[in-house]
Amino acid sequence: MKSLVLAFLAALVVTAAGNYVIHGKILQPRYLESPQLIRGAADGEAHAPFLLAAFAVFSLGAVWIFSKIFAGAPWLQAGLTFGAGLWLIASVSRYLTYYAIAPWPPRVVATQIALELPLMLAVGLTIAAILGRRAPR
């Protein structure tokens, strides 16, 4: 149980920090080019707890799925495989959906998808490094 909690906390930190760097720093200038699609600064800050909740739910789900499928597998291979799967499910599908719903510039969507690949690989590797040596449940 301790390793599951540790994996959750580590995944949460990696997810939150990675999203802050990608969306709060790297992509922020591009987001500001489409102000009609984003919240203003004060409104964004007011909704920040929802980001943390989303990161927590994502991290909890990722740890749970990994523990059921990959635990006990060689950690490096399992982490990369799992991270790639997370990227397809959580990132690629999400940003393609956003692109279909809102008029985001294609360059922004492509950059979101590309920058989230290393993040999801890092999340997968983080979880795998902690849980990869556990026996499957």
C-alpha atoms as a PDB file:
ATOM      1  CA  MET A   1       0.000   0.000   0.000  1.00  0.00           C
ATOM      2  CA  LYS A   2       2.859   2.371   0.782  1.00  0.00           C
ATOM      3  CA  SER A   3       4.285   1.963  -2.696  1.00  0.00           C
ATOM      4  CA  LEU A   4       0.888   2.750  -4.267  1.00  0.00           C
ATOM      5  CA  VAL A   5       0.621   5.963  -2.260  1.00  0.00           C
ATOM      6  CA  LEU A   6       4.201   6.885  -3.131  1.00  0.00           C
ATOM      7  CA  ALA A   7       3.560   6.192  -6.820  1.00  0.00           C
ATOM      8  CA  PHE A   8       0.407   8.336  -6.698  1.00  0.00           C
ATOM      9  CA  LEU A   9       2.206  11.255  -5.052  1.00  0.00           C
ATOM     10  CA  ALA A  10       5.154  11.023  -7.429  1.00  0.00           C
ATOM     11  CA  ALA A  11       2.871  10.826 -10.483  1.00  0.00           C
ATOM     12  CA  LEU A  12       0.899  13.800  -9.174  1.00  0.00           C
ATOM     13  CA  VAL A  13       4.049  15.907  -8.782  1.00  0.00           C
ATOM     14  CA  VAL A  14       5.373  14.966 -12.235  1.00  0.00           C
ATOM     15  CA  THR A  15       1.964  15.602 -13.832  1.00  0.00           C
ATOM     16  CA  ALA A  16       1.411  18.964 -12.129  1.00  0.00           C
ATOM     17  CA  ALA A  17       4.958  20.200 -12.714  1.00  0.00           C
ATOM     18  CA  GLY A  18       4.995  19.032 -16.326  1.00  0.00           C
ATOM     19  CA  ASN A  19       1.657  20.645 -17.094  1.00  0.00           C
ATOM     20  CA  TYR A  20       2.798  23.885 -15.474  1.00  0.00           C
ATOM     21  CA  VAL A  21       5.925  23.971 -17.635  1.00  0.00           C
ATOM     22  CA  ILE A  22       4.106  22.997 -20.840  1.00  0.00           C
ATOM     23  CA  HIS A  23       0.901  24.988 -20.505  1.00  0.00           C
ATOM     24  CA  GLY A  24       1.811  27.696 -17.995  1.00  0.00           C
ATOM     25  CA  LYS A  25       5.167  28.633 -19.491  1.00  0.00           C
ATOM     26  CA  ILE A  26       5.989  27.203 -22.930  1.00  0.00           C
ATOM     27  CA  LEU A  27       2.527  27.445 -24.513  1.00  0.00           C
ATOM     28  CA  GLN A  28       1.235  30.477 -22.598  1.00  0.00           C
ATOM     29  CA  PRO A  29       2.240  32.971 -25.340  1.00  0.00           C
ATOM     30  CA  ARG A  30       0.455  30.856 -27.959  1.00  0.00           C
ATOM     31  CA  TYR A  31      -2.641  30.580 -25.778  1.00  0.00           C
ATOM     32  CA  LEU A  32      -2.727  34.355 -25.418  1.00  0.00           C
ATOM     33  CA  GLU A  33      -2.996  34.602 -29.211  1.00  0.00           C
ATOM     34  CA  SER A  34      -6.497  33.080 -28.860  1.00  0.00           C
ATOM     35  CA  PRO A  35      -7.900  34.960 -25.839  1.00  0.00           C
ATOM     36  CA  GLN A  36     -11.474  34.038 -26.717  1.00  0.00           C
ATOM     37  CA  LEU A  37     -10.637  30.393 -25.943  1.00  0.00           C
ATOM     38  CA  ILE A  38      -9.056  30.807 -22.503  1.00  0.00           C
ATOM     39  CA  ARG A  39     -10.028  32.218 -19.136  1.00  0.00           C
ATOM     40  CA  GLY A  40      -8.624  35.510 -17.958  1.00  0.00           C
ATOM     41  CA  ALA A  41      -5.927  35.501 -15.274  1.00  0.00           C
ATOM     42  CA  ALA A  42      -8.253  36.004 -12.296  1.00  0.00           C
ATOM     43  CA  ASP A  43     -10.792  33.493 -13.573  1.00  0.00           C
ATOM     44  CA  GLY A  44      -8.002  31.017 -14.295  1.00  0.00           C
ATOM     45  CA  GLU A  45      -6.638  31.353 -10.765  1.00  0.00           C
ATOM     46  CA  ALA A  46     -10.116  30.830  -9.355  1.00  0.00           C
ATOM     47  CA  HIS A  47     -10.359  27.560 -11.274  1.00  0.00           C
ATOM     48  CA  ALA A  48      -6.844  26.316 -10.391  1.00  0.00           C
ATOM     49  CA  PRO A  49      -8.187  23.859  -7.776  1.00  0.00           C
ATOM     50  CA  PHE A  50      -9.950  22.045 -10.615  1.00  0.00           C
ATOM     51  CA  LEU A  51      -6.591  21.570 -12.343  1.00  0.00           C
ATOM     52  CA  LEU A  52      -5.162  20.018  -9.203  1.00  0.00           C
ATOM     53  CA  ALA A  53      -8.221  17.797  -8.891  1.00  0.00           C
ATOM     54  CA  ALA A  54      -7.837  16.732 -12.534  1.00  0.00           C
ATOM     55  CA  PHE A  55      -4.143  15.944 -12.014  1.00  0.00           C
ATOM     56  CA  ALA A  56      -4.988  13.934  -8.894  1.00  0.00           C
ATOM     57  CA  VAL A  57      -7.705  11.935 -10.651  1.00  0.00           C
ATOM     58  CA  PHE A  58      -5.394  11.275 -13.610  1.00  0.00           C
ATOM     59  CA  SER A  59      -2.544  10.197 -11.307  1.00  0.00           C
ATOM     60  CA  LEU A  60      -4.805   7.955  -9.242  1.00  0.00           C
ATOM     61  CA  GLY A  61      -6.178   6.278 -12.354  1.00  0.00           C
ATOM     62  CA  ALA A  62      -2.741   5.861 -13.886  1.00  0.00           C
ATOM     63  CA  VAL A  63      -1.311   4.229 -10.753  1.00  0.00           C
ATOM     64  CA  TRP A  64      -4.331   1.962 -10.410  1.00  0.00           C
ATOM     65  CA  ILE A  65      -4.182   0.794 -14.031  1.00  0.00           C
ATOM     66  CA  PHE A  66      -0.418   0.264 -13.920  1.00  0.00           C
ATOM     67  CA  SER A  67      -0.690  -1.742 -10.699  1.00  0.00           C
ATOM     68  CA  LYS A  68      -3.237  -4.074 -12.308  1.00  0.00           C
ATOM     69  CA  ILE A  69      -1.508  -4.583 -15.641  1.00  0.00           C
ATOM     70  CA  PHE A  70       2.225  -3.927 -15.454  1.00  0.00           C
ATOM     71  CA  ALA A  71       3.315  -4.530 -11.867  1.00  0.00           C
ATOM     72  CA  GLY A  72       6.131  -7.053 -11.788  1.00  0.00           C
ATOM     73  CA  ALA A  73       7.156  -6.359 -15.402  1.00  0.00           C
ATOM     74  CA  PRO A  74      10.616  -4.986 -16.255  1.00  0.00           C
ATOM     75  CA  TRP A  75      10.202  -1.370 -15.154  1.00  0.00           C
ATOM     76  CA  LEU A  76      11.865   0.455 -18.063  1.00  0.00           C
ATOM     77  CA  GLN A  77       9.922  -1.319 -20.800  1.00  0.00           C
ATOM     78  CA  ALA A  78       6.696  -1.206 -18.795  1.00  0.00           C
ATOM     79  CA  GLY A  79       7.121   2.502 -18.021  1.00  0.00           C
ATOM     80  CA  LEU A  80       7.747   3.475 -21.631  1.00  0.00           C
ATOM     81  CA  THR A  81       4.899   1.315 -22.904  1.00  0.00           C
ATOM     82  CA  PHE A  82       2.523   2.638 -20.276  1.00  0.00           C
ATOM     83  CA  GLY A  83       3.610   6.246 -20.855  1.00  0.00           C
ATOM     84  CA  ALA A  84       2.978   5.900 -24.593  1.00  0.00           C
ATOM     85  CA  GLY A  85      -0.470   4.506 -23.843  1.00  0.00           C
ATOM     86  CA  LEU A  86      -1.197   7.374 -21.462  1.00  0.00           C
ATOM     87  CA  TRP A  87      -0.139   9.828 -24.174  1.00  0.00           C
ATOM     88  CA  LEU A  88      -2.511   8.300 -26.731  1.00  0.00           C
ATOM     89  CA  ILE A  89      -5.447   8.102 -24.344  1.00  0.00           C
ATOM     90  CA  ALA A  90      -4.990  11.227 -22.233  1.00  0.00           C
ATOM     91  CA  SER A  91      -3.211  13.661 -24.547  1.00  0.00           C
ATOM     92  CA  VAL A  92      -3.665  12.901 -28.236  1.00  0.00           C
ATOM     93  CA  SER A  93      -7.366  12.124 -27.916  1.00  0.00           C
ATOM     94  CA  ARG A  94      -7.995  15.169 -25.687  1.00  0.00           C
ATOM     95  CA  TYR A  95      -6.299  17.726 -27.918  1.00  0.00           C
ATOM     96  CA  LEU A  96      -7.842  16.335 -31.094  1.00  0.00           C
ATOM     97  CA  THR A  97     -11.231  16.606 -29.380  1.00  0.00           C
ATOM     98  CA  TYR A  98     -10.499  20.188 -28.308  1.00  0.00           C
ATOM     99  CA  TYR A  99      -9.475  20.979 -31.883  1.00  0.00           C
ATOM    100  CA  ALA A 100     -12.762  19.569 -33.181  1.00  0.00           C
ATOM    101  CA  ILE A 101     -14.797  21.588 -30.649  1.00  0.00           C
ATOM    102  CA  ALA A 102     -12.955  24.908 -30.466  1.00  0.00           C
ATOM    103  CA  PRO A 103     -11.064  26.829 -33.159  1.00  0.00           C
ATOM    104  CA  TRP A 104      -7.572  26.252 -31.780  1.00  0.00           C
ATOM    105  CA  PRO A 105      -4.830  26.925 -34.329  1.00  0.00           C
ATOM    106  CA  PRO A 106      -3.443  23.644 -35.702  1.00  0.00           C
ATOM    107  CA  ARG A 107       0.077  24.701 -34.661  1.00  0.00           C
ATOM    108  CA  VAL A 108      -1.034  24.972 -31.035  1.00  0.00           C
ATOM    109  CA  VAL A 109      -2.711  21.556 -31.086  1.00  0.00           C
ATOM    110  CA  ALA A 110       0.320  19.915 -32.697  1.00  0.00           C
ATOM    111  CA  THR A 111       2.591  21.517 -30.109  1.00  0.00           C
ATOM    112  CA  GLN A 112       0.350  20.408 -27.227  1.00  0.00           C
ATOM    113  CA  ILE A 113       0.407  16.846 -28.492  1.00  0.00           C
ATOM    114  CA  ALA A 114       4.164  16.855 -29.100  1.00  0.00           C
ATOM    115  CA  LEU A 115       5.074  18.364 -25.726  1.00  0.00           C
ATOM    116  CA  GLU A 116       2.853  15.980 -23.819  1.00  0.00           C
ATOM    117  CA  LEU A 117       4.675  12.907 -25.156  1.00  0.00           C
ATOM    118  CA  PRO A 118       7.777  13.365 -22.972  1.00  0.00           C
ATOM    119  CA  LEU A 119       5.533  14.263 -20.026  1.00  0.00           C
ATOM    120  CA  MET A 120       3.467  11.085 -20.343  1.00  0.00           C
ATOM    121  CA  LEU A 121       6.617   9.001 -20.794  1.00  0.00           C
ATOM    122  CA  ALA A 122       7.980  10.593 -17.605  1.00  0.00           C
ATOM    123  CA  VAL A 123       4.752   9.791 -15.743  1.00  0.00           C
ATOM    124  CA  GLY A 124       4.855   6.193 -16.978  1.00  0.00           C
ATOM    125  CA  LEU A 125       8.507   5.806 -16.010  1.00  0.00           C
ATOM    126  CA  THR A 126       7.925   7.386 -12.598  1.00  0.00           C
ATOM    127  CA  ILE A 127       5.111   4.983 -11.779  1.00  0.00           C
ATOM    128  CA  ALA A 128       7.055   2.033 -13.192  1.00  0.00           C
ATOM    129  CA  ALA A 129      10.175   2.876 -11.193  1.00  0.00           C
ATOM    130  CA  ILE A 130       8.126   2.678  -8.011  1.00  0.00           C
ATOM    131  CA  LEU A 131       5.743  -0.160  -8.818  1.00  0.00           C
ATOM    132  CA  GLY A 132       7.581  -2.142 -11.499  1.00  0.00           C
ATOM    133  CA  ARG A 133       9.246  -4.473  -9.079  1.00  0.00           C
ATOM    134  CA  ARG A 134       6.062  -5.314  -7.182  1.00  0.00           C
ATOM    135  CA  ALA A 135       4.330  -8.609  -7.794  1.00  0.00           C
ATOM    136  CA  PRO A 136       1.169  -8.305  -9.892  1.00  0.00           C
ATOM    137  CA  ARG A 137      -2.121  -8.146  -8.007  1.00  0.00           C
END
